[in-house]
N, C-alpha and C. Protein backbone atom coordinates (compact mmCIF):
# COMPACT_ATOMS: atom_id res chain seq x y z
N MET A 1 66.61 96.31 89.02
CA MET A 1 67.69 97.02 89.18
C MET A 1 68.90 96.11 89.56
N ILE A 2 69.96 96.23 88.71
CA ILE A 2 71.20 95.82 89.19
C ILE A 2 71.92 96.01 90.30
N PRO A 3 72.09 95.29 91.28
CA PRO A 3 72.99 95.99 92.61
C PRO A 3 74.26 96.12 92.25
N LEU A 4 74.48 97.55 92.04
CA LEU A 4 75.37 98.09 91.75
C LEU A 4 76.85 97.76 92.93
N VAL A 5 76.32 98.25 94.19
CA VAL A 5 77.28 98.43 95.00
C VAL A 5 77.88 97.23 95.47
N PRO A 6 77.27 96.15 95.73
CA PRO A 6 77.65 94.73 95.89
C PRO A 6 79.17 94.09 94.97
N PHE A 7 78.60 94.61 93.43
CA PHE A 7 79.62 94.43 91.96
C PHE A 7 81.06 95.12 92.67
N LEU A 8 80.74 96.56 92.80
CA LEU A 8 81.56 97.36 92.92
C LEU A 8 82.83 97.06 94.00
N LEU A 9 81.93 96.37 95.31
CA LEU A 9 82.67 95.99 96.32
C LEU A 9 83.67 94.84 95.96
N ALA A 10 82.80 93.74 95.17
CA ALA A 10 83.52 92.59 94.82
C ALA A 10 84.83 92.99 93.64
N ALA A 11 84.50 93.93 92.86
CA ALA A 11 85.65 93.93 92.18
C ALA A 11 86.86 94.90 92.73
N GLY A 12 86.71 95.62 93.64
CA GLY A 12 87.81 96.23 94.74
C GLY A 12 88.33 95.38 95.40
N GLN A 13 87.45 93.95 95.97
CA GLN A 13 88.62 93.30 96.82
C GLN A 13 88.89 92.27 96.00
N ILE A 14 88.39 92.10 94.44
CA ILE A 14 89.49 91.53 93.83
C ILE A 14 90.69 92.00 93.30
N ALA A 15 90.79 93.55 92.98
CA ALA A 15 91.89 93.93 92.53
C ALA A 15 92.67 94.10 93.62
N ALA A 16 92.42 94.38 94.96
CA ALA A 16 93.36 94.54 96.29
C ALA A 16 94.19 93.32 96.43
N GLY A 17 93.25 91.89 96.34
CA GLY A 17 93.74 90.53 96.52
C GLY A 17 94.80 90.48 95.36
N ALA A 18 94.51 90.67 94.48
CA ALA A 18 95.44 90.41 93.23
C ALA A 18 96.66 91.17 93.71
N GLN A 19 96.58 92.52 94.12
CA GLN A 19 97.68 93.10 94.27
C GLN A 19 98.87 92.49 95.29
N ILE A 20 97.75 92.23 96.49
CA ILE A 20 98.48 91.81 97.65
C ILE A 20 99.33 90.23 97.37
N ALA A 21 98.78 89.32 96.28
CA ALA A 21 98.99 88.28 95.98
C ALA A 21 100.46 88.61 95.02
N ARG A 22 100.29 89.65 94.08
CA ARG A 22 101.37 89.83 93.40
C ARG A 22 102.69 90.20 94.25
N GLY A 23 102.63 90.86 95.23
CA GLY A 23 103.91 91.02 96.35
C GLY A 23 104.32 89.90 96.89
N ILE A 24 103.43 88.78 97.19
CA ILE A 24 103.62 87.52 97.98
C ILE A 24 104.66 86.95 96.78
N VAL A 25 104.27 86.69 95.43
CA VAL A 25 104.48 86.07 94.44
C VAL A 25 105.93 86.42 94.39
N ARG A 26 106.34 87.99 94.65
CA ARG A 26 107.69 88.58 94.02
C ARG A 26 108.53 88.15 95.04
N GLY A 27 107.50 88.22 96.80
CA GLY A 27 108.58 87.94 97.59
C GLY A 27 109.16 86.46 97.79
N ALA A 28 108.08 85.84 97.35
CA ALA A 28 108.52 84.11 97.04
C ALA A 28 109.81 84.06 95.82
N GLY A 29 109.77 84.81 95.17
CA GLY A 29 110.75 84.73 94.17
C GLY A 29 112.01 85.19 94.59
N GLU A 30 112.13 86.40 95.27
CA GLU A 30 113.16 86.79 96.05
C GLU A 30 113.64 85.69 97.26
N LEU A 31 112.83 85.18 97.97
CA LEU A 31 113.16 84.46 99.05
C LEU A 31 114.06 83.11 98.00
N ALA A 32 113.52 82.81 97.14
CA ALA A 32 113.92 81.52 96.02
C ALA A 32 115.46 81.94 95.87
N ARG A 33 115.78 83.37 95.81
CA ARG A 33 117.22 83.72 95.33
C ARG A 33 117.99 83.80 96.33
N GLY A 34 116.99 83.52 97.93
CA GLY A 34 118.05 83.72 98.58
C GLY A 34 118.23 85.33 99.48
N ARG A 35 117.46 86.15 98.87
CA ARG A 35 117.79 87.68 99.36
C ARG A 35 116.37 87.57 100.63
N THR A 36 116.50 87.28 101.53
CA THR A 36 115.41 87.71 102.59
C THR A 36 115.19 89.03 102.62
N ALA A 37 115.81 89.78 102.82
CA ALA A 37 115.40 91.62 102.82
C ALA A 37 114.85 91.76 101.78
N ALA A 38 115.10 91.53 100.71
CA ALA A 38 114.33 91.62 99.47
C ALA A 38 112.66 91.40 99.26
N ALA A 39 112.74 90.11 100.02
CA ALA A 39 111.97 89.38 99.85
C ALA A 39 110.59 89.98 100.61
N VAL A 40 110.94 90.53 102.06
CA VAL A 40 110.21 91.14 102.95
C VAL A 40 109.70 92.52 102.37
N VAL A 41 110.68 93.28 102.10
CA VAL A 41 110.21 94.58 101.07
C VAL A 41 108.91 94.31 100.00
N GLU A 42 109.42 93.21 99.32
CA GLU A 42 108.34 92.92 98.06
C GLU A 42 106.65 92.66 98.91
N VAL A 43 106.81 91.71 99.79
CA VAL A 43 105.80 91.30 100.67
C VAL A 43 104.98 92.68 101.19
N ALA A 44 105.51 93.70 101.82
CA ALA A 44 105.37 94.47 102.51
C ALA A 44 104.74 95.64 100.99
N ASP A 45 105.38 95.81 100.16
CA ASP A 45 104.98 96.47 99.05
C ASP A 45 103.58 96.34 98.79
N GLY A 46 103.56 94.61 98.26
CA GLY A 46 102.36 94.12 97.89
C GLY A 46 100.96 94.61 98.55
N CYS A 47 101.52 94.41 100.23
CA CYS A 47 100.52 94.73 101.00
C CYS A 47 100.09 96.14 101.10
N VAL A 48 100.74 96.77 100.82
CA VAL A 48 100.51 98.31 100.81
C VAL A 48 99.85 99.19 99.70
N ALA A 49 100.26 98.07 98.56
CA ALA A 49 99.66 98.47 97.30
C ALA A 49 98.48 98.90 97.13
N PRO A 50 97.23 98.29 97.78
CA PRO A 50 95.91 98.84 97.18
C PRO A 50 95.84 100.28 98.22
N LEU A 51 96.27 100.35 99.30
CA LEU A 51 96.13 101.45 100.05
C LEU A 51 96.87 102.82 99.29
N ARG A 52 98.08 102.80 98.60
CA ARG A 52 98.43 103.39 97.61
C ARG A 52 98.11 104.06 96.52
N LEU A 53 97.24 102.85 96.04
CA LEU A 53 96.27 103.04 94.58
C LEU A 53 94.94 104.13 95.22
N ALA A 54 94.58 103.71 96.39
CA ALA A 54 93.05 104.40 96.93
C ALA A 54 93.61 105.81 97.02
N GLY A 55 94.83 106.17 97.67
CA GLY A 55 95.27 107.46 97.89
C GLY A 55 95.31 108.17 96.52
N GLU A 56 95.75 107.51 95.81
CA GLU A 56 96.12 107.99 94.37
C GLU A 56 94.55 108.63 93.88
N GLN A 57 93.68 107.65 94.00
CA GLN A 57 92.28 107.90 93.45
C GLN A 57 91.66 108.80 94.02
N LEU A 58 91.64 109.03 95.76
CA LEU A 58 91.32 110.17 96.14
C LEU A 58 91.61 111.47 96.11
N GLY A 59 92.89 111.50 95.75
CA GLY A 59 93.70 112.84 95.45
C GLY A 59 93.32 113.05 94.13
N SER A 60 92.92 112.36 93.11
CA SER A 60 92.45 112.81 91.78
C SER A 60 90.96 112.99 91.92
N LEU A 61 90.25 112.55 92.84
CA LEU A 61 88.78 113.10 93.03
C LEU A 61 88.80 114.11 93.91
N GLY A 62 89.65 114.59 94.82
CA GLY A 62 89.40 115.89 95.50
C GLY A 62 89.94 116.73 94.48
N ARG A 63 90.55 116.78 93.31
CA ARG A 63 91.05 117.87 92.37
C ARG A 63 89.73 118.07 91.49
N ASP A 64 89.34 116.59 91.13
CA ASP A 64 88.09 116.92 90.19
C ASP A 64 86.83 117.79 91.22
N ILE A 65 86.22 117.50 92.49
CA ILE A 65 85.85 118.24 92.95
C ILE A 65 86.17 119.46 93.21
N LEU A 66 87.24 119.74 93.56
CA LEU A 66 87.73 121.59 93.60
C LEU A 66 87.34 122.16 92.15
N ALA A 67 87.33 121.38 90.86
CA ALA A 67 87.52 121.97 89.77
C ALA A 67 85.89 122.32 89.46
N ALA A 68 85.14 121.20 90.14
CA ALA A 68 83.74 121.52 90.29
C ALA A 68 83.47 122.52 90.94
N VAL A 69 83.74 122.82 92.01
CA VAL A 69 83.52 123.79 92.69
C VAL A 69 83.80 125.35 92.06
N LEU A 70 84.83 125.31 91.74
CA LEU A 70 85.35 126.69 90.98
C LEU A 70 84.62 127.09 89.96
N GLY A 71 84.02 125.79 89.12
CA GLY A 71 82.81 126.25 88.22
C GLY A 71 83.19 126.76 87.15
N ASN A 72 84.71 126.21 86.61
CA ASN A 72 85.02 126.73 85.48
C ASN A 72 84.70 125.56 84.30
N GLY A 73 84.27 124.51 84.63
CA GLY A 73 84.21 123.36 84.00
C GLY A 73 85.59 122.45 83.63
N GLU A 74 86.40 123.20 83.43
CA GLU A 74 87.93 122.51 83.19
C GLU A 74 88.31 121.76 84.47
N PRO A 75 89.09 120.60 84.57
CA PRO A 75 89.97 120.09 85.51
C PRO A 75 91.08 120.62 85.48
N LEU A 76 91.55 120.66 86.88
CA LEU A 76 92.52 121.36 87.46
C LEU A 76 93.73 121.34 86.72
N ASP A 77 93.87 119.71 86.59
CA ASP A 77 95.10 119.02 86.15
C ASP A 77 94.58 118.09 85.29
N ARG A 78 95.01 117.86 84.19
CA ARG A 78 95.05 116.68 83.50
C ARG A 78 95.99 115.81 83.33
N THR A 79 97.24 116.32 84.02
CA THR A 79 98.54 115.44 83.98
C THR A 79 98.04 114.40 84.77
N PRO A 80 98.60 113.13 84.45
CA PRO A 80 98.32 111.76 85.18
C PRO A 80 99.00 112.01 86.33
N ILE A 81 98.85 111.33 87.52
CA ILE A 81 99.63 110.86 88.39
C ILE A 81 100.61 110.02 88.05
N VAL A 82 101.94 110.14 87.78
CA VAL A 82 102.84 109.16 87.37
C VAL A 82 103.65 108.80 88.68
N VAL A 83 103.51 107.40 89.08
CA VAL A 83 104.09 106.60 90.09
C VAL A 83 105.39 106.25 89.34
N PRO A 84 106.78 106.86 90.19
CA PRO A 84 107.77 106.16 89.43
C PRO A 84 107.66 104.38 89.30
N PRO A 85 108.84 104.22 88.53
CA PRO A 85 108.97 102.60 88.22
C PRO A 85 109.11 101.94 89.60
N ARG A 86 108.71 100.84 89.97
CA ARG A 86 109.48 99.99 91.12
C ARG A 86 110.89 99.66 90.74
N GLN A 87 111.73 99.98 91.95
CA GLN A 87 113.09 99.67 91.76
C GLN A 87 113.91 98.38 92.47
N LYS A 88 114.55 97.50 92.01
CA LYS A 88 114.91 96.66 93.01
C LYS A 88 115.41 96.84 94.57
N PRO A 89 115.26 96.47 95.43
CA PRO A 89 115.76 96.72 96.61
C PRO A 89 117.20 96.45 96.59
N ARG A 90 118.22 97.08 96.72
CA ARG A 90 119.88 96.91 97.06
C ARG A 90 119.87 96.17 98.48
N VAL A 91 119.94 95.08 98.30
CA VAL A 91 120.55 94.24 99.40
C VAL A 91 122.03 93.78 99.05
N ALA A 92 123.04 93.96 100.36
CA ALA A 92 124.19 93.68 100.45
C ALA A 92 124.25 91.96 99.97
N GLU A 93 125.17 91.72 99.20
CA GLU A 93 125.39 90.09 98.94
C GLU A 93 126.24 89.90 100.03
N PRO A 94 126.14 88.49 100.70
CA PRO A 94 126.86 87.97 101.89
C PRO A 94 128.30 87.83 101.35
N ALA A 95 128.95 88.23 102.53
CA ALA A 95 130.49 88.02 102.45
C ALA A 95 130.97 86.63 102.22
N GLY A 96 131.82 86.66 100.96
CA GLY A 96 132.50 85.21 100.74
C GLY A 96 132.09 85.00 99.69
N ASN A 97 131.40 85.37 98.73
CA ASN A 97 130.75 84.98 97.48
C ASN A 97 131.70 85.45 96.35
C-alpha cells in the first residue's frame, strides 16, 4: 500500500514553501527598487498566503459538507471563490525626487 498521508504532507509543505519563497523574492525586488515598506508588505503577504489558501479550501469543504447533509446531491454554490488580483502597495516617494 502506498503511504498516502506522508506524500500529501510533503506536497503541502512544498506548496506552502513555494508561496513563502515567492513573497520573499517579491520583497527582495521591492527592496532593490528602494521601497522598503512595499518589501515588508510583499514578504508578509508571502508568509500569510498558505494560511489564506487553507482558509479558502476549508470554506469550500464546509460548503460541500453542508450540501451533503442537506441531501439534495447538488453543491450549494458552484461559483469559485475569486480572490481579487494583488495590487501593488502604494508607497509615498521620498521628497526631493
